[in-house]
Amino acid sequence: SDGLSACAVCLGRHRHNVRECNVSTLWNGTTPARVSRNRDGKFVNSRHEVICLAWQRATGCSLNHSARHECSGCGSPNHGAQKCHLTQK
């Protein structure tokens, strides 16, 4: 993984274009991905609600829009993709 950050879509740390990743399963190839990209390239959950990209980063997000703060991997409001148990180790 070379210390790479996890992709917000597939939660993989392998080298790939994370800006264009829009796969239907997580890095393991079996677990369904929780998010996809809409036509505008924003991350949306299964309810087609836009979720916060900054929340998926290790540094998190300081904006007051907690309704958009959900982990792209498991849906938890308590962490983002970088701290998700489903993220590639």
PDB file of N, CA and C in Angstrom:
ATOM      1  N   SER A   1       0.815  -1.211   0.000  1.00  0.00           N
ATOM      2  CA  SER A   1       0.000   0.000   0.000  1.00  0.00           C
ATOM      3  C   SER A   1       0.849   1.262   0.000  1.00  0.00           C
ATOM      4  N   ASP A   2       2.132   1.152   0.316  1.00  0.00           N
ATOM      5  CA  ASP A   2       3.059   2.291   0.267  1.00  0.00           C
ATOM      6  C   ASP A   2       2.593   3.479   1.102  1.00  0.00           C
ATOM      7  N   GLY A   3       1.800   3.255   2.159  1.00  0.00           N
ATOM      8  CA  GLY A   3       1.341   4.341   3.001  1.00  0.00           C
ATOM      9  C   GLY A   3       0.310   5.236   2.347  1.00  0.00           C
ATOM     10  N   LEU A   4      -0.354   4.750   1.311  1.00  0.00           N
ATOM     11  CA  LEU A   4      -1.347   5.554   0.601  1.00  0.00           C
ATOM     12  C   LEU A   4      -2.622   5.691   1.422  1.00  0.00           C
ATOM     13  N   SER A   5      -3.304   6.804   1.258  1.00  0.00           N
ATOM     14  CA  SER A   5      -4.606   6.996   1.890  1.00  0.00           C
ATOM     15  C   SER A   5      -5.615   6.068   1.243  1.00  0.00           C
ATOM     16  N   ALA A   6      -6.635   5.725   1.992  1.00  0.00           N
ATOM     17  CA  ALA A   6      -7.687   4.857   1.461  1.00  0.00           C
ATOM     18  C   ALA A   6      -8.599   5.643   0.525  1.00  0.00           C
ATOM     19  N   CYS A   7      -9.007   5.004  -0.542  1.00  0.00           N
ATOM     20  CA  CYS A   7      -9.967   5.569  -1.488  1.00  0.00           C
ATOM     21  C   CYS A   7     -11.332   5.634  -0.807  1.00  0.00           C
ATOM     22  N   ALA A   8     -12.050   6.725  -0.971  1.00  0.00           N
ATOM     23  CA  ALA A   8     -13.357   6.878  -0.332  1.00  0.00           C
ATOM     24  C   ALA A   8     -14.422   5.970  -0.932  1.00  0.00           C
ATOM     25  N   VAL A   9     -14.207   5.451  -2.137  1.00  0.00           N
ATOM     26  CA  VAL A   9     -15.192   4.568  -2.767  1.00  0.00           C
ATOM     27  C   VAL A   9     -14.911   3.108  -2.429  1.00  0.00           C
ATOM     28  N   CYS A  10     -13.710   2.630  -2.779  1.00  0.00           N
ATOM     29  CA  CYS A  10     -13.413   1.197  -2.602  1.00  0.00           C
ATOM     30  C   CYS A  10     -12.656   0.889  -1.314  1.00  0.00           C
ATOM     31  N   LEU A  11     -12.242   1.919  -0.584  1.00  0.00           N
ATOM     32  CA  LEU A  11     -11.474   1.803   0.657  1.00  0.00           C
ATOM     33  C   LEU A  11     -10.131   1.117   0.462  1.00  0.00           C
ATOM     34  N   GLY A  12      -9.693   1.017  -0.792  1.00  0.00           N
ATOM     35  CA  GLY A  12      -8.407   0.403  -1.090  1.00  0.00           C
ATOM     36  C   GLY A  12      -7.260   1.382  -0.932  1.00  0.00           C
ATOM     37  N   ARG A  13      -6.116   0.852  -0.550  1.00  0.00           N
ATOM     38  CA  ARG A  13      -4.895   1.655  -0.452  1.00  0.00           C
ATOM     39  C   ARG A  13      -3.942   1.337  -1.603  1.00  0.00           C
ATOM     40  N   HIS A  14      -4.387   0.533  -2.558  1.00  0.00           N
ATOM     41  CA  HIS A  14      -3.564   0.194  -3.719  1.00  0.00           C
ATOM     42  C   HIS A  14      -3.516   1.383  -4.683  1.00  0.00           C
ATOM     43  N   ARG A  15      -2.505   1.409  -5.513  1.00  0.00           N
ATOM     44  CA  ARG A  15      -2.364   2.511  -6.475  1.00  0.00           C
ATOM     45  C   ARG A  15      -3.453   2.423  -7.537  1.00  0.00           C
ATOM     46  N   HIS A  16      -4.267   3.454  -7.606  1.00  0.00           N
ATOM     47  CA  HIS A  16      -5.278   3.585  -8.656  1.00  0.00           C
ATOM     48  C   HIS A  16      -5.766   5.020  -8.641  1.00  0.00           C
ATOM     49  N   ASN A  17      -6.526   5.417  -9.641  1.00  0.00           N
ATOM     50  CA  ASN A  17      -6.992   6.792  -9.748  1.00  0.00           C
ATOM     51  C   ASN A  17      -8.203   6.986  -8.835  1.00  0.00           C
ATOM     52  N   VAL A  18      -7.948   7.444  -7.613  1.00  0.00           N
ATOM     53  CA  VAL A  18      -9.028   7.599  -6.635  1.00  0.00           C
ATOM     54  C   VAL A  18     -10.004   8.701  -7.036  1.00  0.00           C
ATOM     55  N   ARG A  19      -9.575   9.607  -7.895  1.00  0.00           N
ATOM     56  CA  ARG A  19     -10.475  10.679  -8.347  1.00  0.00           C
ATOM     57  C   ARG A  19     -11.535  10.171  -9.311  1.00  0.00           C
ATOM     58  N   GLU A  20     -11.284   9.005  -9.898  1.00  0.00           N
ATOM     59  CA  GLU A  20     -12.244   8.446 -10.849  1.00  0.00           C
ATOM     60  C   GLU A  20     -12.829   7.115 -10.403  1.00  0.00           C
ATOM     61  N   CYS A  21     -12.393   6.606  -9.273  1.00  0.00           N
ATOM     62  CA  CYS A  21     -12.865   5.299  -8.806  1.00  0.00           C
ATOM     63  C   CYS A  21     -14.381   5.344  -8.604  1.00  0.00           C
ATOM     64  N   ASN A  22     -15.073   4.390  -9.179  1.00  0.00           N
ATOM     65  CA  ASN A  22     -16.533   4.316  -9.042  1.00  0.00           C
ATOM     66  C   ASN A  22     -16.968   2.853  -9.165  1.00  0.00           C
ATOM     67  N   VAL A  23     -16.271   1.984  -8.432  1.00  0.00           N
ATOM     68  CA  VAL A  23     -16.532   0.548  -8.501  1.00  0.00           C
ATOM     69  C   VAL A  23     -17.716   0.160  -7.622  1.00  0.00           C
ATOM     70  N   SER A  24     -18.236  -1.021  -7.837  1.00  0.00           N
ATOM     71  CA  SER A  24     -19.415  -1.465  -7.087  1.00  0.00           C
ATOM     72  C   SER A  24     -19.073  -2.299  -5.861  1.00  0.00           C
ATOM     73  N   THR A  25     -17.789  -2.679  -5.717  1.00  0.00           N
ATOM     74  CA  THR A  25     -17.377  -3.431  -4.533  1.00  0.00           C
ATOM     75  C   THR A  25     -16.154  -2.780  -3.905  1.00  0.00           C
ATOM     76  N   LEU A  26     -15.926  -3.076  -2.645  1.00  0.00           N
ATOM     77  CA  LEU A  26     -14.742  -2.579  -1.960  1.00  0.00           C
ATOM     78  C   LEU A  26     -13.507  -3.282  -2.496  1.00  0.00           C
ATOM     79  N   TRP A  27     -12.345  -2.872  -2.019  1.00  0.00           N
ATOM     80  CA  TRP A  27     -11.054  -3.371  -2.477  1.00  0.00           C
ATOM     81  C   TRP A  27     -10.956  -4.892  -2.433  1.00  0.00           C
ATOM     82  N   ASN A  28     -11.722  -5.545  -1.542  1.00  0.00           N
ATOM     83  CA  ASN A  28     -11.631  -7.001  -1.409  1.00  0.00           C
ATOM     84  C   ASN A  28     -12.380  -7.746  -2.511  1.00  0.00           C
ATOM     85  N   GLY A  29     -13.149  -7.006  -3.327  1.00  0.00           N
ATOM     86  CA  GLY A  29     -13.845  -7.603  -4.456  1.00  0.00           C
ATOM     87  C   GLY A  29     -15.162  -8.280  -4.130  1.00  0.00           C
ATOM     88  N   THR A  30     -15.532  -8.311  -2.851  1.00  0.00           N
ATOM     89  CA  THR A  30     -16.777  -8.987  -2.470  1.00  0.00           C
ATOM     90  C   THR A  30     -17.765  -8.094  -1.725  1.00  0.00           C
ATOM     91  N   THR A  31     -17.276  -7.231  -0.852  1.00  0.00           N
ATOM     92  CA  THR A  31     -18.157  -6.364  -0.069  1.00  0.00           C
ATOM     93  C   THR A  31     -18.705  -5.250  -0.952  1.00  0.00           C
ATOM     94  N   PRO A  32     -20.027  -5.086  -1.018  1.00  0.00           N
ATOM     95  CA  PRO A  32     -20.590  -4.008  -1.842  1.00  0.00           C
ATOM     96  C   PRO A  32     -20.126  -2.629  -1.361  1.00  0.00           C
ATOM     97  N   ALA A  33     -19.801  -1.754  -2.288  1.00  0.00           N
ATOM     98  CA  ALA A  33     -19.436  -0.378  -1.947  1.00  0.00           C
ATOM     99  C   ALA A  33     -20.693   0.364  -1.501  1.00  0.00           C
ATOM    100  N   ARG A  34     -20.558   1.229  -0.501  1.00  0.00           N
ATOM    101  CA  ARG A  34     -21.690   1.987   0.024  1.00  0.00           C
ATOM    102  C   ARG A  34     -21.950   3.266  -0.759  1.00  0.00           C
ATOM    103  N   VAL A  35     -20.921   3.778  -1.413  1.00  0.00           N
ATOM    104  CA  VAL A  35     -21.061   5.054  -2.112  1.00  0.00           C
ATOM    105  C   VAL A  35     -20.725   4.898  -3.592  1.00  0.00           C
ATOM    106  N   SER A  36     -21.219   5.848  -4.343  1.00  0.00           N
ATOM    107  CA  SER A  36     -20.881   5.949  -5.760  1.00  0.00           C
ATOM    108  C   SER A  36     -20.775   7.433  -6.066  1.00  0.00           C
ATOM    109  N   ARG A  37     -20.462   7.753  -7.294  1.00  0.00           N
ATOM    110  CA  ARG A  37     -20.376   9.160  -7.698  1.00  0.00           C
ATOM    111  C   ARG A  37     -21.594   9.503  -8.542  1.00  0.00           C
ATOM    112  N   ASN A  38     -22.130  10.683  -8.290  1.00  0.00           N
ATOM    113  CA  ASN A  38     -23.259  11.126  -9.112  1.00  0.00           C
ATOM    114  C   ASN A  38     -22.729  11.801 -10.379  1.00  0.00           C
ATOM    115  N   ARG A  39     -23.616  12.335 -11.184  1.00  0.00           N
ATOM    116  CA  ARG A  39     -23.199  12.964 -12.451  1.00  0.00           C
ATOM    117  C   ARG A  39     -22.237  14.120 -12.244  1.00  0.00           C
ATOM    118  N   ASP A  40     -22.329  14.768 -11.075  1.00  0.00           N
ATOM    119  CA  ASP A  40     -21.441  15.892 -10.775  1.00  0.00           C
ATOM    120  C   ASP A  40     -20.118  15.437 -10.166  1.00  0.00           C
ATOM    121  N   GLY A  41     -19.954  14.122  -9.981  1.00  0.00           N
ATOM    122  CA  GLY A  41     -18.728  13.597  -9.398  1.00  0.00           C
ATOM    123  C   GLY A  41     -18.711  13.595  -7.888  1.00  0.00           C
ATOM    124  N   LYS A  42     -19.821  13.968  -7.267  1.00  0.00           N
ATOM    125  CA  LYS A  42     -19.893  13.985  -5.802  1.00  0.00           C
ATOM    126  C   LYS A  42     -20.216  12.590  -5.285  1.00  0.00           C
ATOM    127  N   PHE A  43     -19.772  12.314  -4.059  1.00  0.00           N
ATOM    128  CA  PHE A  43     -20.046  11.024  -3.437  1.00  0.00           C
ATOM    129  C   PHE A  43     -21.466  11.002  -2.903  1.00  0.00           C
ATOM    130  N   VAL A  44     -22.203   9.953  -3.243  1.00  0.00           N
ATOM    131  CA  VAL A  44     -23.575   9.803  -2.752  1.00  0.00           C
ATOM    132  C   VAL A  44     -23.743   8.421  -2.128  1.00  0.00           C
ATOM    133  N   ASN A  45     -24.601   8.367  -1.102  1.00  0.00           N
ATOM    134  CA  ASN A  45     -24.889   7.090  -0.459  1.00  0.00           C
ATOM    135  C   ASN A  45     -26.023   6.391  -1.207  1.00  0.00           C
ATOM    136  N   SER A  46     -26.499   5.293  -0.665  1.00  0.00           N
ATOM    137  CA  SER A  46     -27.536   4.509  -1.353  1.00  0.00           C
ATOM    138  C   SER A  46     -28.865   5.254  -1.459  1.00  0.00           C
ATOM    139  N   ARG A  47     -29.039   6.299  -0.647  1.00  0.00           N
ATOM    140  CA  ARG A  47     -30.250   7.133  -0.707  1.00  0.00           C
ATOM    141  C   ARG A  47     -30.056   8.317  -1.658  1.00  0.00           C
ATOM    142  N   HIS A  48     -28.927   8.309  -2.376  1.00  0.00           N
ATOM    143  CA  HIS A  48     -28.562   9.371  -3.332  1.00  0.00           C
ATOM    144  C   HIS A  48     -28.332  10.707  -2.643  1.00  0.00           C
ATOM    145  N   GLU A  49     -27.987  10.667  -1.356  1.00  0.00           N
ATOM    146  CA  GLU A  49     -27.660  11.879  -0.609  1.00  0.00           C
ATOM    147  C   GLU A  49     -26.156  12.109  -0.701  1.00  0.00           C
ATOM    148  N   VAL A  50     -25.767  13.358  -0.955  1.00  0.00           N
ATOM    149  CA  VAL A  50     -24.347  13.698  -1.039  1.00  0.00           C
ATOM    150  C   VAL A  50     -23.731  13.592   0.351  1.00  0.00           C
ATOM    151  N   ILE A  51     -22.584  12.916   0.436  1.00  0.00           N
ATOM    152  CA  ILE A  51     -21.862  12.846   1.704  1.00  0.00           C
ATOM    153  C   ILE A  51     -20.590  13.680   1.595  1.00  0.00           C
ATOM    154  N   CYS A  52     -20.043  14.050   2.726  1.00  0.00           N
ATOM    155  CA  CYS A  52     -18.891  14.948   2.801  1.00  0.00           C
ATOM    156  C   CYS A  52     -17.590  14.221   2.448  1.00  0.00           C
ATOM    157  N   LEU A  53     -16.889  14.719   1.437  1.00  0.00           N
ATOM    158  CA  LEU A  53     -15.605  14.142   1.049  1.00  0.00           C
ATOM    159  C   LEU A  53     -14.545  14.430   2.106  1.00  0.00           C
ATOM    160  N   ALA A  54     -14.522  15.637   2.654  1.00  0.00           N
ATOM    161  CA  ALA A  54     -13.511  15.991   3.655  1.00  0.00           C
ATOM    162  C   ALA A  54     -13.593  15.067   4.872  1.00  0.00           C
ATOM    163  N   TRP A  55     -14.796  14.626   5.235  1.00  0.00           N
ATOM    164  CA  TRP A  55     -14.990  13.729   6.377  1.00  0.00           C
ATOM    165  C   TRP A  55     -14.249  12.408   6.166  1.00  0.00           C
ATOM    166  N   GLN A  56     -14.020  12.028   4.910  1.00  0.00           N
ATOM    167  CA  GLN A  56     -13.359  10.762   4.596  1.00  0.00           C
ATOM    168  C   GLN A  56     -11.845  10.842   4.774  1.00  0.00           C
ATOM    169  N   ARG A  57     -11.311  12.050   4.868  1.00  0.00           N
ATOM    170  CA  ARG A  57      -9.871  12.250   5.019  1.00  0.00           C
ATOM    171  C   ARG A  57      -9.449  12.035   6.468  1.00  0.00           C
ATOM    172  N   ALA A  58      -8.174  11.787   6.669  1.00  0.00           N
ATOM    173  CA  ALA A  58      -7.643  11.550   8.015  1.00  0.00           C
ATOM    174  C   ALA A  58      -7.867  12.752   8.924  1.00  0.00           C
ATOM    175  N   THR A  59      -7.850  13.955   8.355  1.00  0.00           N
ATOM    176  CA  THR A  59      -8.017  15.172   9.149  1.00  0.00           C
ATOM    177  C   THR A  59      -9.478  15.496   9.432  1.00  0.00           C
ATOM    178  N   GLY A  60     -10.401  14.815   8.764  1.00  0.00           N
ATOM    179  CA  GLY A  60     -11.823  15.054   8.999  1.00  0.00           C
ATOM    180  C   GLY A  60     -12.299  16.373   8.423  1.00  0.00           C
ATOM    181  N   CYS A  61     -13.417  16.863   8.928  1.00  0.00           N
ATOM    182  CA  CYS A  61     -14.049  18.085   8.432  1.00  0.00           C
ATOM    183  C   CYS A  61     -14.533  18.904   9.606  1.00  0.00           C
ATOM    184  N   SER A  62     -14.332  20.207   9.540  1.00  0.00           N
ATOM    185  CA  SER A  62     -14.757  21.083  10.630  1.00  0.00           C
ATOM    186  C   SER A  62     -16.036  21.847  10.297  1.00  0.00           C
ATOM    187  N   LEU A  63     -16.611  21.612   9.122  1.00  0.00           N
ATOM    188  CA  LEU A  63     -17.840  22.315   8.760  1.00  0.00           C
ATOM    189  C   LEU A  63     -19.021  21.759   9.539  1.00  0.00           C
ATOM    190  N   ASN A  64     -19.994  22.610   9.773  1.00  0.00           N
ATOM    191  CA  ASN A  64     -21.160  22.214  10.560  1.00  0.00           C
ATOM    192  C   ASN A  64     -22.261  21.693   9.640  1.00  0.00           C
ATOM    193  N   HIS A  65     -22.023  20.539   9.048  1.00  0.00           N
ATOM    194  CA  HIS A  65     -23.046  19.885   8.229  1.00  0.00           C
ATOM    195  C   HIS A  65     -23.017  18.389   8.540  1.00  0.00           C
ATOM    196  N   SER A  66     -23.210  18.089   9.809  1.00  0.00           N
ATOM    197  CA  SER A  66     -23.031  16.721  10.292  1.00  0.00           C
ATOM    198  C   SER A  66     -23.935  15.713   9.600  1.00  0.00           C
ATOM    199  N   ALA A  67     -25.027  16.156   8.992  1.00  0.00           N
ATOM    200  CA  ALA A  67     -25.892  15.226   8.267  1.00  0.00           C
ATOM    201  C   ALA A  67     -25.140  14.587   7.105  1.00  0.00           C
ATOM    202  N   ARG A  68     -24.104  15.260   6.627  1.00  0.00           N
ATOM    203  CA  ARG A  68     -23.304  14.723   5.514  1.00  0.00           C
ATOM    204  C   ARG A  68     -22.100  13.932   6.004  1.00  0.00           C
ATOM    205  N   HIS A  69     -21.887  13.912   7.316  1.00  0.00           N
ATOM    206  CA  HIS A  69     -20.741  13.209   7.874  1.00  0.00           C
ATOM    207  C   HIS A  69     -21.096  11.757   8.144  1.00  0.00           C
ATOM    208  N   GLU A  70     -20.798  10.912   7.172  1.00  0.00           N
ATOM    209  CA  GLU A  70     -20.953   9.474   7.349  1.00  0.00           C
ATOM    210  C   GLU A  70     -19.804   8.799   6.639  1.00  0.00           C
ATOM    211  N   CYS A  71     -19.322   7.732   7.230  1.00  0.00           N
ATOM    212  CA  CYS A  71     -18.216   6.983   6.646  1.00  0.00           C
ATOM    213  C   CYS A  71     -18.653   6.387   5.317  1.00  0.00           C
ATOM    214  N   SER A  72     -17.839   6.580   4.303  1.00  0.00           N
ATOM    215  CA  SER A  72     -18.180   6.035   2.988  1.00  0.00           C
ATOM    216  C   SER A  72     -18.079   4.513   2.968  1.00  0.00           C
ATOM    217  N   GLY A  73     -17.413   3.935   3.958  1.00  0.00           N
ATOM    218  CA  GLY A  73     -17.265   2.489   4.014  1.00  0.00           C
ATOM    219  C   GLY A  73     -18.369   1.772   4.763  1.00  0.00           C
ATOM    220  N   CYS A  74     -18.700   2.280   5.972  1.00  0.00           N
ATOM    221  CA  CYS A  74     -19.666   1.561   6.810  1.00  0.00           C
ATOM    222  C   CYS A  74     -20.878   2.391   7.208  1.00  0.00           C
ATOM    223  N   GLY A  75     -20.846   3.695   6.940  1.00  0.00           N
ATOM    224  CA  GLY A  75     -21.983   4.553   7.256  1.00  0.00           C
ATOM    225  C   GLY A  75     -21.946   5.191   8.629  1.00  0.00           C
ATOM    226  N   SER A  76     -20.929   4.907   9.421  1.00  0.00           N
ATOM    227  CA  SER A  76     -20.839   5.460  10.773  1.00  0.00           C
ATOM    228  C   SER A  76     -20.692   6.983  10.738  1.00  0.00           C
ATOM    229  N   PRO A  77     -21.364   7.696  11.654  1.00  0.00           N
ATOM    230  CA  PRO A  77     -21.171   9.142  11.752  1.00  0.00           C
ATOM    231  C   PRO A  77     -19.947   9.501  12.598  1.00  0.00           C
ATOM    232  N   ASN A  78     -19.271   8.503  13.155  1.00  0.00           N
ATOM    233  CA  ASN A  78     -18.179   8.744  14.098  1.00  0.00           C
ATOM    234  C   ASN A  78     -16.791   8.790  13.477  1.00  0.00           C
ATOM    235  N   HIS A  79     -16.661   8.395  12.227  1.00  0.00           N
ATOM    236  CA  HIS A  79     -15.361   8.408  11.558  1.00  0.00           C
ATOM    237  C   HIS A  79     -15.575   8.413  10.050  1.00  0.00           C
ATOM    238  N   GLY A  80     -14.494   8.702   9.339  1.00  0.00           N
ATOM    239  CA  GLY A  80     -14.526   8.641   7.883  1.00  0.00           C
ATOM    240  C   GLY A  80     -13.791   7.417   7.376  1.00  0.00           C
ATOM    241  N   ALA A  81     -13.575   7.360   6.081  1.00  0.00           N
ATOM    242  CA  ALA A  81     -12.994   6.186   5.430  1.00  0.00           C
ATOM    243  C   ALA A  81     -11.621   5.802   5.968  1.00  0.00           C
ATOM    244  N   GLN A  82     -10.796   6.778   6.330  1.00  0.00           N
ATOM    245  CA  GLN A  82      -9.429   6.463   6.764  1.00  0.00           C
ATOM    246  C   GLN A  82      -9.397   5.652   8.050  1.00  0.00           C
ATOM    247  N   LYS A  83     -10.451   5.765   8.866  1.00  0.00           N
ATOM    248  CA  LYS A  83     -10.480   5.062  10.153  1.00  0.00           C
ATOM    249  C   LYS A  83     -11.477   3.911  10.170  1.00  0.00           C
ATOM    250  N   CYS A  84     -12.002   3.545   9.016  1.00  0.00           N
ATOM    251  CA  CYS A  84     -13.011   2.488   8.934  1.00  0.00           C
ATOM    252  C   CYS A  84     -12.374   1.103   9.065  1.00  0.00           C
ATOM    253  N   HIS A  85     -13.050   0.205   9.765  1.00  0.00           N
ATOM    254  CA  HIS A  85     -12.544  -1.165   9.925  1.00  0.00           C
ATOM    255  C   HIS A  85     -12.537  -1.934   8.600  1.00  0.00           C
ATOM    256  N   LEU A  86     -13.267  -1.451   7.596  1.00  0.00           N
ATOM    257  CA  LEU A  86     -13.315  -2.118   6.293  1.00  0.00           C
ATOM    258  C   LEU A  86     -12.189  -1.686   5.351  1.00  0.00           C
ATOM    259  N   THR A  87     -11.443  -0.646   5.750  1.00  0.00           N
ATOM    260  CA  THR A  87     -10.369  -0.117   4.914  1.00  0.00           C
ATOM    261  C   THR A  87      -9.231  -1.123   4.783  1.00  0.00           C
ATOM    262  N   GLN A  88      -8.657  -1.204   3.582  1.00  0.00           N
ATOM    263  CA  GLN A  88      -7.510  -2.086   3.343  1.00  0.00           C
ATOM    264  C   GLN A  88      -6.383  -1.707   4.285  1.00  0.00           C
ATOM    265  N   LYS A  89      -5.820  -2.679   4.966  1.00  0.00           N
ATOM    266  CA  LYS A  89      -4.746  -2.414   5.940  1.00  0.00           C
ATOM    267  C   LYS A  89      -3.414  -2.213   5.254  1.00  0.00           C
TER     268      LYS A  89
END
